[in-house]
Amino acid sequence: MSGLIGKKIGMTSIFDENGKNIPCTVIQAGPCVVTQVRTKEVDGYEALQLGFDDKAEKQSTKALNGHFKKAGTTAKRRVVEFQGFEQDLKLGDQILVDHFEEGEFVDVSGTSKGKGFQGVVKRHGFAGSERTHGQQSMNRAPGSVGAASYPARIFKGMRMGGRMGGDTVKVQNLRVLKVVKDKNLIVVKGAVPGHKNAYVIIQK
């Protein structure tokens, strides 16, 4: 799937032609630079490696600096491979936000917000116990987790408290509501994973 690397700017809402308020996310998509071209003869598959968001050379390794100089570009913060580009692109070419069109559907993946250690009510949606009849400070407890003397252990996969968030999440079939070419922005319907300024991958 072809696509671009982007950065989540934030959320807002817009009104459609029927006056309905639509929640949406603003993403800075590109410009991305082709930093490597994978070919079937050399690599065994065809793909394009794209770089996004400049950074200082001293923040990168010498090996990566040489890799970027070969493409004739500055050091980049994010590098991702994509497949399925129809146009013939060469090393150093730029891909802009006009790769996407209004009305089409895209998949957006990113790292979800980390929420730290959470209990079963927040992490798995447990209801908790009754609030009356003399129960004592067990409102949000997980309840029974084991069986009896057999199997005398807790099965793997038991839903319990633990670290929540910080996972790679893909949200599929988000409609592109608007493309702002002069600012390299796209507006997609709904929410995408990650905090503000988090890097995301947008795929057609």
N, C-alpha and C. Protein backbone atom coordinates (compact mmCIF):
# COMPACT_ATOMS: atom_id res chain seq x y z
N MET A 1 0.84 -1.20 0.00
CA MET A 1 0.00 0.00 0.00
C MET A 1 0.88 1.25 0.00
N SER A 2 0.62 2.15 -0.95
CA SER A 2 1.38 3.39 -0.99
C SER A 2 0.87 4.33 0.10
N GLY A 3 1.69 5.30 0.46
CA GLY A 3 1.27 6.22 1.50
C GLY A 3 2.35 7.23 1.82
N LEU A 4 2.19 7.91 2.95
CA LEU A 4 3.12 8.93 3.41
C LEU A 4 3.31 8.82 4.91
N ILE A 5 4.42 9.40 5.39
CA ILE A 5 4.61 9.57 6.83
C ILE A 5 4.05 10.94 7.20
N GLY A 6 3.40 11.02 8.34
CA GLY A 6 2.81 12.29 8.75
C GLY A 6 2.97 12.55 10.23
N LYS A 7 2.43 13.68 10.64
CA LYS A 7 2.48 14.07 12.05
C LYS A 7 1.09 14.55 12.46
N LYS A 8 0.59 14.01 13.57
CA LYS A 8 -0.74 14.38 14.05
C LYS A 8 -0.69 15.79 14.64
N ILE A 9 -1.45 16.70 14.06
CA ILE A 9 -1.48 18.08 14.54
C ILE A 9 -2.48 18.24 15.68
N GLY A 10 -3.64 17.62 15.56
CA GLY A 10 -4.67 17.73 16.60
C GLY A 10 -6.03 17.42 16.04
N MET A 11 -7.06 17.58 16.88
CA MET A 11 -8.43 17.28 16.46
C MET A 11 -9.26 18.56 16.41
N THR A 12 -10.27 18.53 15.53
CA THR A 12 -11.21 19.63 15.43
C THR A 12 -12.52 19.05 14.90
N SER A 13 -13.41 19.88 14.47
CA SER A 13 -14.65 19.40 13.84
C SER A 13 -15.05 20.38 12.75
N ILE A 14 -15.70 19.86 11.72
CA ILE A 14 -16.18 20.70 10.62
C ILE A 14 -17.63 20.32 10.33
N PHE A 15 -18.32 21.22 9.64
CA PHE A 15 -19.72 20.97 9.27
C PHE A 15 -19.77 20.55 7.80
N ASP A 16 -20.59 19.52 7.52
CA ASP A 16 -20.77 19.12 6.12
C ASP A 16 -21.88 19.93 5.48
N GLU A 17 -22.21 19.59 4.22
CA GLU A 17 -23.21 20.37 3.47
C GLU A 17 -24.60 20.29 4.09
N ASN A 18 -24.83 19.22 4.91
CA ASN A 18 -26.15 19.07 5.56
C ASN A 18 -26.19 19.71 6.94
N GLY A 19 -25.09 20.36 7.34
CA GLY A 19 -25.05 21.00 8.65
C GLY A 19 -24.70 20.06 9.79
N LYS A 20 -24.24 18.84 9.45
CA LYS A 20 -23.87 17.88 10.49
C LYS A 20 -22.43 18.13 10.94
N ASN A 21 -22.21 18.12 12.25
CA ASN A 21 -20.89 18.36 12.81
C ASN A 21 -20.08 17.06 12.80
N ILE A 22 -18.94 17.06 12.12
CA ILE A 22 -18.13 15.85 11.95
C ILE A 22 -16.81 16.01 12.70
N PRO A 23 -16.53 15.14 13.68
CA PRO A 23 -15.22 15.19 14.35
C PRO A 23 -14.13 14.72 13.40
N CYS A 24 -12.99 15.37 13.40
CA CYS A 24 -11.94 15.01 12.46
C CYS A 24 -10.56 15.31 13.04
N THR A 25 -9.55 14.75 12.40
CA THR A 25 -8.16 14.91 12.83
C THR A 25 -7.37 15.57 11.71
N VAL A 26 -6.53 16.54 12.09
CA VAL A 26 -5.67 17.23 11.13
C VAL A 26 -4.28 16.58 11.18
N ILE A 27 -3.78 16.18 10.02
CA ILE A 27 -2.48 15.51 9.93
C ILE A 27 -1.61 16.26 8.92
N GLN A 28 -0.36 16.53 9.32
CA GLN A 28 0.61 17.06 8.36
C GLN A 28 1.21 15.86 7.63
N ALA A 29 0.89 15.74 6.36
CA ALA A 29 1.32 14.58 5.57
C ALA A 29 2.39 15.01 4.58
N GLY A 30 3.64 14.71 4.90
CA GLY A 30 4.74 15.06 4.03
C GLY A 30 5.18 16.50 4.27
N PRO A 31 6.08 17.04 3.42
CA PRO A 31 6.66 16.35 2.27
C PRO A 31 7.63 15.24 2.66
N CYS A 32 7.55 14.12 1.94
CA CYS A 32 8.43 12.98 2.19
C CYS A 32 9.42 12.86 1.03
N VAL A 33 10.65 12.49 1.37
CA VAL A 33 11.72 12.36 0.38
C VAL A 33 12.05 10.88 0.18
N VAL A 34 12.24 10.47 -1.07
CA VAL A 34 12.65 9.10 -1.36
C VAL A 34 14.12 8.96 -0.98
N THR A 35 14.39 8.17 0.07
CA THR A 35 15.77 8.00 0.55
C THR A 35 16.40 6.69 0.08
N GLN A 36 15.59 5.77 -0.43
CA GLN A 36 16.13 4.53 -0.99
C GLN A 36 15.10 3.88 -1.89
N VAL A 37 15.56 3.27 -2.98
CA VAL A 37 14.67 2.56 -3.90
C VAL A 37 15.04 1.08 -3.85
N ARG A 38 14.13 0.26 -3.39
CA ARG A 38 14.34 -1.19 -3.37
C ARG A 38 13.90 -1.79 -4.70
N THR A 39 14.74 -2.65 -5.26
CA THR A 39 14.42 -3.29 -6.54
C THR A 39 14.43 -4.80 -6.39
N LYS A 40 13.73 -5.46 -7.29
CA LYS A 40 13.63 -6.92 -7.24
C LYS A 40 14.98 -7.57 -7.50
N GLU A 41 15.79 -6.97 -8.38
CA GLU A 41 17.08 -7.55 -8.73
C GLU A 41 18.04 -7.54 -7.54
N VAL A 42 18.05 -6.45 -6.78
CA VAL A 42 19.01 -6.29 -5.68
C VAL A 42 18.44 -6.80 -4.36
N ASP A 43 17.19 -6.41 -4.05
CA ASP A 43 16.62 -6.67 -2.72
C ASP A 43 15.60 -7.80 -2.70
N GLY A 44 15.15 -8.23 -3.86
CA GLY A 44 14.17 -9.30 -3.90
C GLY A 44 12.74 -8.83 -3.84
N TYR A 45 12.53 -7.53 -3.69
CA TYR A 45 11.18 -6.97 -3.68
C TYR A 45 11.27 -5.51 -4.07
N GLU A 46 10.12 -4.94 -4.44
CA GLU A 46 10.09 -3.53 -4.85
C GLU A 46 9.42 -2.69 -3.78
N ALA A 47 10.08 -1.61 -3.39
CA ALA A 47 9.54 -0.70 -2.38
C ALA A 47 10.28 0.61 -2.44
N LEU A 48 9.71 1.62 -1.80
CA LEU A 48 10.35 2.93 -1.67
C LEU A 48 10.51 3.24 -0.20
N GLN A 49 11.71 3.68 0.18
CA GLN A 49 11.93 4.13 1.55
C GLN A 49 11.78 5.65 1.58
N LEU A 50 10.88 6.13 2.43
CA LEU A 50 10.61 7.57 2.53
C LEU A 50 11.11 8.10 3.86
N GLY A 51 11.63 9.33 3.83
CA GLY A 51 12.07 10.01 5.05
C GLY A 51 11.22 11.24 5.28
N PHE A 52 11.00 11.56 6.57
CA PHE A 52 10.12 12.69 6.92
C PHE A 52 10.65 13.42 8.14
N ASP A 53 10.51 14.74 8.14
CA ASP A 53 10.81 15.63 9.27
C ASP A 53 12.32 15.77 9.48
N ASP A 54 12.83 16.95 9.20
CA ASP A 54 14.26 17.22 9.30
C ASP A 54 14.76 17.19 10.74
N LYS A 55 16.04 16.83 10.89
CA LYS A 55 16.72 16.96 12.19
C LYS A 55 18.18 17.30 11.92
N ALA A 56 18.88 17.75 12.93
CA ALA A 56 20.28 18.14 12.78
C ALA A 56 21.14 16.91 12.53
N GLU A 57 22.23 17.10 11.76
CA GLU A 57 23.12 15.98 11.45
C GLU A 57 23.73 15.38 12.71
N LYS A 58 24.03 16.23 13.72
CA LYS A 58 24.68 15.73 14.92
C LYS A 58 23.75 14.83 15.74
N GLN A 59 22.44 14.85 15.43
CA GLN A 59 21.49 13.98 16.12
C GLN A 59 21.36 12.63 15.44
N SER A 60 22.07 12.44 14.35
CA SER A 60 22.00 11.19 13.58
C SER A 60 23.37 10.53 13.55
N THR A 61 23.41 9.25 13.23
CA THR A 61 24.69 8.54 13.13
C THR A 61 25.37 8.86 11.80
N LYS A 62 26.67 8.60 11.73
CA LYS A 62 27.42 8.88 10.50
C LYS A 62 26.92 8.01 9.35
N ALA A 63 26.56 6.77 9.69
CA ALA A 63 26.05 5.86 8.65
C ALA A 63 24.76 6.40 8.04
N LEU A 64 23.85 6.88 8.90
CA LEU A 64 22.58 7.42 8.39
C LEU A 64 22.80 8.74 7.65
N ASN A 65 23.73 9.57 8.14
CA ASN A 65 24.02 10.82 7.44
C ASN A 65 24.51 10.55 6.03
N GLY A 66 25.37 9.53 5.87
CA GLY A 66 25.82 9.15 4.54
C GLY A 66 24.68 8.63 3.67
N HIS A 67 23.77 7.88 4.29
CA HIS A 67 22.60 7.35 3.59
C HIS A 67 21.73 8.49 3.05
N PHE A 68 21.51 9.53 3.88
CA PHE A 68 20.68 10.66 3.46
C PHE A 68 21.39 11.53 2.42
N LYS A 69 22.72 11.69 2.56
CA LYS A 69 23.46 12.50 1.59
C LYS A 69 23.43 11.86 0.21
N LYS A 70 23.42 10.54 0.17
CA LYS A 70 23.33 9.83 -1.11
C LYS A 70 22.03 10.17 -1.83
N ALA A 71 20.97 10.42 -1.03
CA ALA A 71 19.68 10.80 -1.62
C ALA A 71 19.59 12.31 -1.84
N GLY A 72 20.63 13.06 -1.41
CA GLY A 72 20.64 14.50 -1.62
C GLY A 72 19.68 15.24 -0.72
N THR A 73 19.52 14.75 0.51
CA THR A 73 18.60 15.39 1.44
C THR A 73 19.22 15.49 2.83
N THR A 74 18.55 16.19 3.72
CA THR A 74 19.03 16.35 5.09
C THR A 74 18.64 15.13 5.92
N ALA A 75 19.19 15.05 7.14
CA ALA A 75 18.86 13.94 8.04
C ALA A 75 17.38 13.99 8.39
N LYS A 76 16.75 12.82 8.49
CA LYS A 76 15.31 12.73 8.76
C LYS A 76 15.06 11.99 10.08
N ARG A 77 13.95 12.37 10.72
CA ARG A 77 13.59 11.74 12.00
C ARG A 77 12.91 10.39 11.81
N ARG A 78 12.13 10.24 10.75
CA ARG A 78 11.40 9.00 10.53
C ARG A 78 11.68 8.47 9.13
N VAL A 79 11.91 7.16 9.05
CA VAL A 79 12.15 6.49 7.77
C VAL A 79 11.26 5.26 7.72
N VAL A 80 10.44 5.14 6.68
CA VAL A 80 9.49 4.03 6.55
C VAL A 80 9.46 3.57 5.10
N GLU A 81 9.28 2.27 4.89
CA GLU A 81 9.17 1.71 3.54
C GLU A 81 7.70 1.57 3.14
N PHE A 82 7.42 1.88 1.89
CA PHE A 82 6.07 1.73 1.32
C PHE A 82 6.17 0.97 0.01
N GLN A 83 5.10 0.27 -0.31
CA GLN A 83 5.00 -0.42 -1.59
C GLN A 83 3.74 0.05 -2.32
N GLY A 84 3.71 -0.17 -3.62
CA GLY A 84 2.49 0.09 -4.37
C GLY A 84 2.39 1.46 -5.01
N PHE A 85 3.51 2.21 -5.10
CA PHE A 85 3.45 3.49 -5.80
C PHE A 85 3.37 3.24 -7.31
N GLU A 86 2.42 3.91 -7.95
CA GLU A 86 2.23 3.72 -9.38
C GLU A 86 3.23 4.54 -10.20
N GLN A 87 3.55 5.77 -9.74
CA GLN A 87 4.48 6.60 -10.49
C GLN A 87 5.92 6.11 -10.31
N ASP A 88 6.74 6.41 -11.31
CA ASP A 88 8.15 6.00 -11.28
C ASP A 88 8.96 7.06 -10.54
N LEU A 89 9.36 6.75 -9.31
CA LEU A 89 10.06 7.72 -8.47
C LEU A 89 11.53 7.33 -8.33
N LYS A 90 12.37 8.36 -8.25
CA LYS A 90 13.81 8.14 -8.14
C LYS A 90 14.32 8.67 -6.80
N LEU A 91 15.57 8.36 -6.50
CA LEU A 91 16.21 8.80 -5.27
C LEU A 91 16.19 10.32 -5.18
N GLY A 92 15.73 10.84 -4.05
CA GLY A 92 15.70 12.29 -3.85
C GLY A 92 14.41 12.95 -4.25
N ASP A 93 13.48 12.23 -4.91
CA ASP A 93 12.19 12.81 -5.29
C ASP A 93 11.34 13.10 -4.06
N GLN A 94 10.52 14.14 -4.16
CA GLN A 94 9.62 14.50 -3.06
C GLN A 94 8.20 14.05 -3.38
N ILE A 95 7.51 13.54 -2.35
CA ILE A 95 6.09 13.18 -2.48
C ILE A 95 5.31 14.09 -1.54
N LEU A 96 4.33 14.80 -2.10
CA LEU A 96 3.58 15.80 -1.34
C LEU A 96 2.20 15.27 -0.98
N VAL A 97 1.46 16.12 -0.26
CA VAL A 97 0.16 15.71 0.25
C VAL A 97 -0.85 15.47 -0.87
N ASP A 98 -0.59 15.99 -2.09
CA ASP A 98 -1.52 15.76 -3.19
C ASP A 98 -1.52 14.31 -3.66
N HIS A 99 -0.73 13.45 -2.99
CA HIS A 99 -0.82 12.01 -3.22
C HIS A 99 -2.20 11.49 -2.82
N PHE A 100 -2.87 12.23 -1.91
CA PHE A 100 -4.22 11.87 -1.46
C PHE A 100 -5.25 12.79 -2.09
N GLU A 101 -6.47 12.27 -2.23
CA GLU A 101 -7.56 13.05 -2.80
C GLU A 101 -8.72 13.10 -1.84
N GLU A 102 -9.47 14.17 -1.89
CA GLU A 102 -10.65 14.31 -1.03
C GLU A 102 -11.68 13.24 -1.40
N GLY A 103 -12.24 12.62 -0.38
CA GLY A 103 -13.28 11.61 -0.59
C GLY A 103 -12.78 10.18 -0.55
N GLU A 104 -11.47 9.96 -0.73
CA GLU A 104 -10.96 8.59 -0.68
C GLU A 104 -10.75 8.14 0.77
N PHE A 105 -10.52 6.84 0.95
CA PHE A 105 -10.38 6.28 2.29
C PHE A 105 -8.93 5.86 2.52
N VAL A 106 -8.45 6.11 3.74
CA VAL A 106 -7.06 5.79 4.09
C VAL A 106 -7.03 5.03 5.42
N ASP A 107 -5.91 4.33 5.64
CA ASP A 107 -5.64 3.68 6.93
C ASP A 107 -4.53 4.46 7.62
N VAL A 108 -4.72 4.75 8.91
CA VAL A 108 -3.72 5.50 9.66
C VAL A 108 -3.26 4.66 10.84
N SER A 109 -1.93 4.46 10.96
CA SER A 109 -1.39 3.70 12.08
C SER A 109 -0.39 4.55 12.84
N GLY A 110 -0.34 4.32 14.15
CA GLY A 110 0.57 5.06 15.01
C GLY A 110 0.64 4.39 16.37
N THR A 111 1.38 5.00 17.29
CA THR A 111 1.51 4.47 18.65
C THR A 111 0.51 5.16 19.56
N SER A 112 -0.33 4.35 20.22
CA SER A 112 -1.37 4.92 21.08
C SER A 112 -0.76 5.56 22.32
N LYS A 113 -1.52 6.43 22.96
CA LYS A 113 -1.04 7.10 24.16
C LYS A 113 -0.77 6.09 25.27
N GLY A 114 0.36 6.22 25.94
CA GLY A 114 0.65 5.36 27.08
C GLY A 114 -0.13 5.82 28.31
N LYS A 115 -0.79 4.90 28.99
CA LYS A 115 -1.62 5.26 30.14
C LYS A 115 -1.10 4.68 31.45
N GLY A 116 0.09 4.05 31.40
CA GLY A 116 0.67 3.52 32.62
C GLY A 116 -0.06 2.28 33.11
N PHE A 117 0.15 1.95 34.38
CA PHE A 117 -0.48 0.76 34.98
C PHE A 117 -1.93 1.08 35.31
N GLN A 118 -2.86 0.29 34.76
CA GLN A 118 -4.28 0.53 34.98
C GLN A 118 -4.96 -0.74 35.47
N GLY A 119 -6.06 -0.56 36.18
CA GLY A 119 -6.82 -1.70 36.69
C GLY A 119 -7.75 -2.28 35.64
N VAL A 120 -8.50 -3.30 36.04
CA VAL A 120 -9.33 -4.03 35.08
C VAL A 120 -10.53 -3.22 34.60
N VAL A 121 -11.01 -2.25 35.41
CA VAL A 121 -12.17 -1.46 35.00
C VAL A 121 -11.81 -0.58 33.81
N LYS A 122 -10.68 0.09 33.89
CA LYS A 122 -10.26 0.97 32.79
C LYS A 122 -9.66 0.17 31.63
N ARG A 123 -8.88 -0.88 31.97
CA ARG A 123 -8.14 -1.60 30.94
C ARG A 123 -9.03 -2.55 30.14
N HIS A 124 -9.98 -3.22 30.81
CA HIS A 124 -10.79 -4.23 30.12
C HIS A 124 -12.30 -3.96 30.18
N GLY A 125 -12.69 -2.85 30.81
CA GLY A 125 -14.11 -2.51 30.84
C GLY A 125 -14.93 -3.30 31.84
N PHE A 126 -14.29 -3.86 32.88
CA PHE A 126 -15.06 -4.56 33.92
C PHE A 126 -16.00 -3.58 34.62
N ALA A 127 -17.12 -4.11 35.13
CA ALA A 127 -18.12 -3.25 35.75
C ALA A 127 -17.81 -2.96 37.22
N GLY A 128 -16.97 -3.80 37.85
CA GLY A 128 -16.78 -3.65 39.29
C GLY A 128 -17.92 -4.32 40.05
N SER A 129 -17.84 -4.30 41.37
CA SER A 129 -18.87 -4.98 42.19
C SER A 129 -19.92 -4.00 42.67
N GLU A 130 -20.89 -4.53 43.43
CA GLU A 130 -21.98 -3.69 43.95
C GLU A 130 -21.44 -2.63 44.91
N ARG A 131 -22.18 -1.54 45.00
CA ARG A 131 -21.77 -0.46 45.88
C ARG A 131 -22.52 -0.50 47.20
N THR A 132 -23.36 -1.50 47.41
CA THR A 132 -24.19 -1.54 48.63
C THR A 132 -24.03 -2.89 49.33
N HIS A 133 -24.87 -3.17 50.28
CA HIS A 133 -24.92 -4.44 51.00
C HIS A 133 -23.60 -4.74 51.72
N GLY A 134 -22.97 -3.70 52.20
CA GLY A 134 -21.85 -3.92 53.10
C GLY A 134 -20.55 -4.34 52.45
N GLN A 135 -20.42 -4.20 51.17
CA GLN A 135 -19.14 -4.57 50.56
C GLN A 135 -18.07 -3.58 51.01
N GLN A 136 -16.84 -4.02 51.07
CA GLN A 136 -15.78 -3.19 51.63
C GLN A 136 -14.67 -2.96 50.61
N SER A 137 -14.56 -1.75 50.12
CA SER A 137 -13.45 -1.27 49.30
C SER A 137 -13.06 -2.24 48.17
N MET A 138 -14.06 -2.90 47.55
CA MET A 138 -13.76 -3.83 46.47
C MET A 138 -14.47 -3.41 45.18
N ASN A 139 -14.80 -2.11 45.09
CA ASN A 139 -15.58 -1.63 43.94
C ASN A 139 -14.94 -1.98 42.60
N ARG A 140 -13.63 -1.78 42.49
CA ARG A 140 -12.96 -1.93 41.20
C ARG A 140 -12.03 -3.13 41.18
N ALA A 141 -12.25 -4.08 42.08
CA ALA A 141 -11.41 -5.28 42.14
C ALA A 141 -11.76 -6.24 41.00
N PRO A 142 -10.82 -7.06 40.56
CA PRO A 142 -11.09 -7.96 39.43
C PRO A 142 -11.97 -9.15 39.79
N GLY A 143 -12.07 -9.49 41.07
CA GLY A 143 -12.85 -10.67 41.45
C GLY A 143 -12.02 -11.93 41.37
N SER A 144 -12.68 -13.08 41.29
CA SER A 144 -11.99 -14.36 41.28
C SER A 144 -11.19 -14.52 39.98
N VAL A 145 -9.95 -15.01 40.10
CA VAL A 145 -9.12 -15.17 38.91
C VAL A 145 -8.65 -16.61 38.72
N GLY A 146 -8.72 -17.44 39.74
CA GLY A 146 -8.21 -18.81 39.63
C GLY A 146 -9.32 -19.83 39.69
N ALA A 147 -8.96 -21.11 39.61
CA ALA A 147 -9.94 -22.20 39.71
C ALA A 147 -9.80 -22.82 41.10
N ALA A 148 -9.56 -24.10 41.21
CA ALA A 148 -9.45 -24.77 42.51
C ALA A 148 -8.06 -25.39 42.62
N SER A 149 -7.95 -26.48 43.38
CA SER A 149 -6.64 -27.11 43.52
C SER A 149 -6.16 -27.66 42.17
N TYR A 150 -7.09 -27.88 41.25
CA TYR A 150 -6.72 -28.09 39.87
C TYR A 150 -7.34 -26.98 39.05
N PRO A 151 -6.63 -26.23 38.23
CA PRO A 151 -5.23 -26.45 37.85
C PRO A 151 -4.21 -25.80 38.78
N ALA A 152 -4.66 -25.18 39.86
CA ALA A 152 -3.75 -24.59 40.84
C ALA A 152 -2.83 -23.54 40.22
N ARG A 153 -3.32 -22.88 39.21
CA ARG A 153 -2.55 -21.80 38.59
C ARG A 153 -3.53 -20.92 37.82
N ILE A 154 -3.04 -19.80 37.33
CA ILE A 154 -3.86 -18.89 36.53
C ILE A 154 -3.50 -19.10 35.06
N PHE A 155 -4.52 -19.30 34.23
CA PHE A 155 -4.28 -19.52 32.81
C PHE A 155 -3.73 -18.28 32.14
N LYS A 156 -2.89 -18.48 31.14
CA LYS A 156 -2.37 -17.37 30.36
C LYS A 156 -3.52 -16.64 29.67
N GLY A 157 -3.39 -15.33 29.57
CA GLY A 157 -4.42 -14.54 28.90
C GLY A 157 -5.49 -14.02 29.83
N MET A 158 -5.42 -14.36 31.12
CA MET A 158 -6.40 -13.86 32.09
C MET A 158 -6.36 -12.33 32.10
N ARG A 159 -7.52 -11.71 31.99
CA ARG A 159 -7.59 -10.25 31.96
C ARG A 159 -7.38 -9.68 33.36
N MET A 160 -6.27 -9.00 33.53
CA MET A 160 -5.93 -8.45 34.84
C MET A 160 -5.38 -7.04 34.65
N GLY A 161 -5.04 -6.39 35.75
CA GLY A 161 -4.44 -5.07 35.67
C GLY A 161 -3.07 -5.14 35.04
N GLY A 162 -2.60 -4.05 34.47
CA GLY A 162 -1.28 -4.04 33.86
C GLY A 162 -1.06 -2.77 33.06
N ARG A 163 0.06 -2.70 32.37
CA ARG A 163 0.37 -1.51 31.59
C ARG A 163 -0.57 -1.40 30.39
N MET A 164 -1.03 -0.19 30.15
CA MET A 164 -2.03 0.03 29.12
C MET A 164 -1.55 1.12 28.16
N GLY A 165 -1.81 0.94 26.89
CA GLY A 165 -1.41 1.93 25.89
C GLY A 165 0.00 1.68 25.39
N GLY A 166 0.47 2.61 24.56
CA GLY A 166 1.80 2.47 23.99
C GLY A 166 1.92 1.37 22.96
N ASP A 167 0.79 0.98 22.36
CA ASP A 167 0.77 -0.08 21.36
C ASP A 167 0.64 0.50 19.95
N THR A 168 1.09 -0.25 18.96
CA THR A 168 0.88 0.15 17.57
C THR A 168 -0.56 -0.16 17.18
N VAL A 169 -1.28 0.87 16.77
CA VAL A 169 -2.71 0.74 16.46
C VAL A 169 -2.96 1.26 15.05
N LYS A 170 -3.75 0.50 14.28
CA LYS A 170 -4.13 0.95 12.94
C LYS A 170 -5.64 1.17 12.90
N VAL A 171 -6.03 2.37 12.45
CA VAL A 171 -7.45 2.68 12.26
C VAL A 171 -7.71 2.69 10.76
N GLN A 172 -8.65 1.85 10.33
CA GLN A 172 -8.88 1.65 8.91
C GLN A 172 -10.08 2.44 8.40
N ASN A 173 -10.04 2.72 7.10
CA ASN A 173 -11.16 3.32 6.36
C ASN A 173 -11.60 4.67 6.94
N LEU A 174 -10.65 5.58 7.08
CA LEU A 174 -10.96 6.95 7.47
C LEU A 174 -11.09 7.79 6.19
N ARG A 175 -12.19 8.51 6.06
CA ARG A 175 -12.42 9.29 4.84
C ARG A 175 -11.64 10.60 4.89
N VAL A 176 -10.99 10.93 3.78
CA VAL A 176 -10.27 12.21 3.68
C VAL A 176 -11.30 13.29 3.37
N LEU A 177 -11.47 14.21 4.31
CA LEU A 177 -12.46 15.27 4.15
C LEU A 177 -11.91 16.48 3.41
N LYS A 178 -10.62 16.76 3.61
CA LYS A 178 -10.04 17.96 3.00
C LYS A 178 -8.54 17.77 2.80
N VAL A 179 -8.02 18.32 1.71
CA VAL A 179 -6.58 18.32 1.45
C VAL A 179 -6.15 19.77 1.26
N VAL A 180 -5.25 20.25 2.13
CA VAL A 180 -4.74 21.62 2.06
C VAL A 180 -3.32 21.54 1.50
N LYS A 181 -3.19 21.74 0.18
CA LYS A 181 -1.93 21.49 -0.50
C LYS A 181 -0.83 22.47 -0.09
N ASP A 182 -1.18 23.75 0.09
CA ASP A 182 -0.14 24.74 0.37
C ASP A 182 0.49 24.56 1.75
N LYS A 183 -0.20 23.85 2.65
CA LYS A 183 0.33 23.64 4.00
C LYS A 183 0.63 22.16 4.28
N ASN A 184 0.47 21.30 3.27
CA ASN A 184 0.72 19.86 3.41
C ASN A 184 -0.12 19.24 4.52
N LEU A 185 -1.39 19.59 4.57
CA LEU A 185 -2.29 19.07 5.61
C LEU A 185 -3.40 18.26 4.96
N ILE A 186 -3.81 17.19 5.65
CA ILE A 186 -5.05 16.50 5.28
C ILE A 186 -5.92 16.42 6.53
N VAL A 187 -7.21 16.46 6.31
CA VAL A 187 -8.19 16.34 7.39
C VAL A 187 -8.95 15.04 7.17
N VAL A 188 -8.87 14.12 8.14
CA VAL A 188 -9.56 12.84 8.02
C VAL A 188 -10.67 12.75 9.06
N LYS A 189 -11.71 12.03 8.72
CA LYS A 189 -12.84 11.88 9.62
C LYS A 189 -12.48 10.95 10.77
N GLY A 190 -12.82 11.33 12.01
CA GLY A 190 -12.60 10.46 13.16
C GLY A 190 -11.24 10.70 13.81
N ALA A 191 -10.91 9.80 14.74
CA ALA A 191 -9.69 9.92 15.54
C ALA A 191 -8.61 8.98 15.03
N VAL A 192 -7.36 9.37 15.26
CA VAL A 192 -6.21 8.52 14.93
C VAL A 192 -5.38 8.33 16.19
N PRO A 193 -4.62 7.24 16.30
CA PRO A 193 -3.86 6.98 17.52
C PRO A 193 -2.74 7.97 17.74
N GLY A 194 -2.37 8.17 19.01
CA GLY A 194 -1.21 9.00 19.32
C GLY A 194 -1.57 10.35 19.91
N HIS A 195 -0.55 10.99 20.50
CA HIS A 195 -0.71 12.32 21.07
C HIS A 195 -0.46 13.37 19.99
N LYS A 196 -0.60 14.64 20.33
CA LYS A 196 -0.29 15.71 19.39
C LYS A 196 1.19 15.65 19.03
N ASN A 197 1.48 15.88 17.77
CA ASN A 197 2.85 15.84 17.21
C ASN A 197 3.41 14.43 17.14
N ALA A 198 2.58 13.40 17.35
CA ALA A 198 3.03 12.02 17.19
C ALA A 198 3.12 11.69 15.70
N TYR A 199 4.08 10.83 15.36
CA TYR A 199 4.24 10.41 13.97
C TYR A 199 3.24 9.31 13.64
N VAL A 200 2.66 9.40 12.45
CA VAL A 200 1.69 8.40 12.00
C VAL A 200 2.04 8.00 10.57
N ILE A 201 1.54 6.87 10.16
CA ILE A 201 1.72 6.36 8.79
C ILE A 201 0.35 6.31 8.12
N ILE A 202 0.24 7.02 7.00
CA ILE A 202 -1.04 7.09 6.28
C ILE A 202 -0.90 6.27 5.01
N GLN A 203 -1.79 5.28 4.85
CA GLN A 203 -1.72 4.38 3.69
C GLN A 203 -3.02 4.42 2.92
N LYS A 204 -2.90 4.34 1.61
CA LYS A 204 -4.09 4.27 0.76
C LYS A 204 -4.68 2.88 0.81
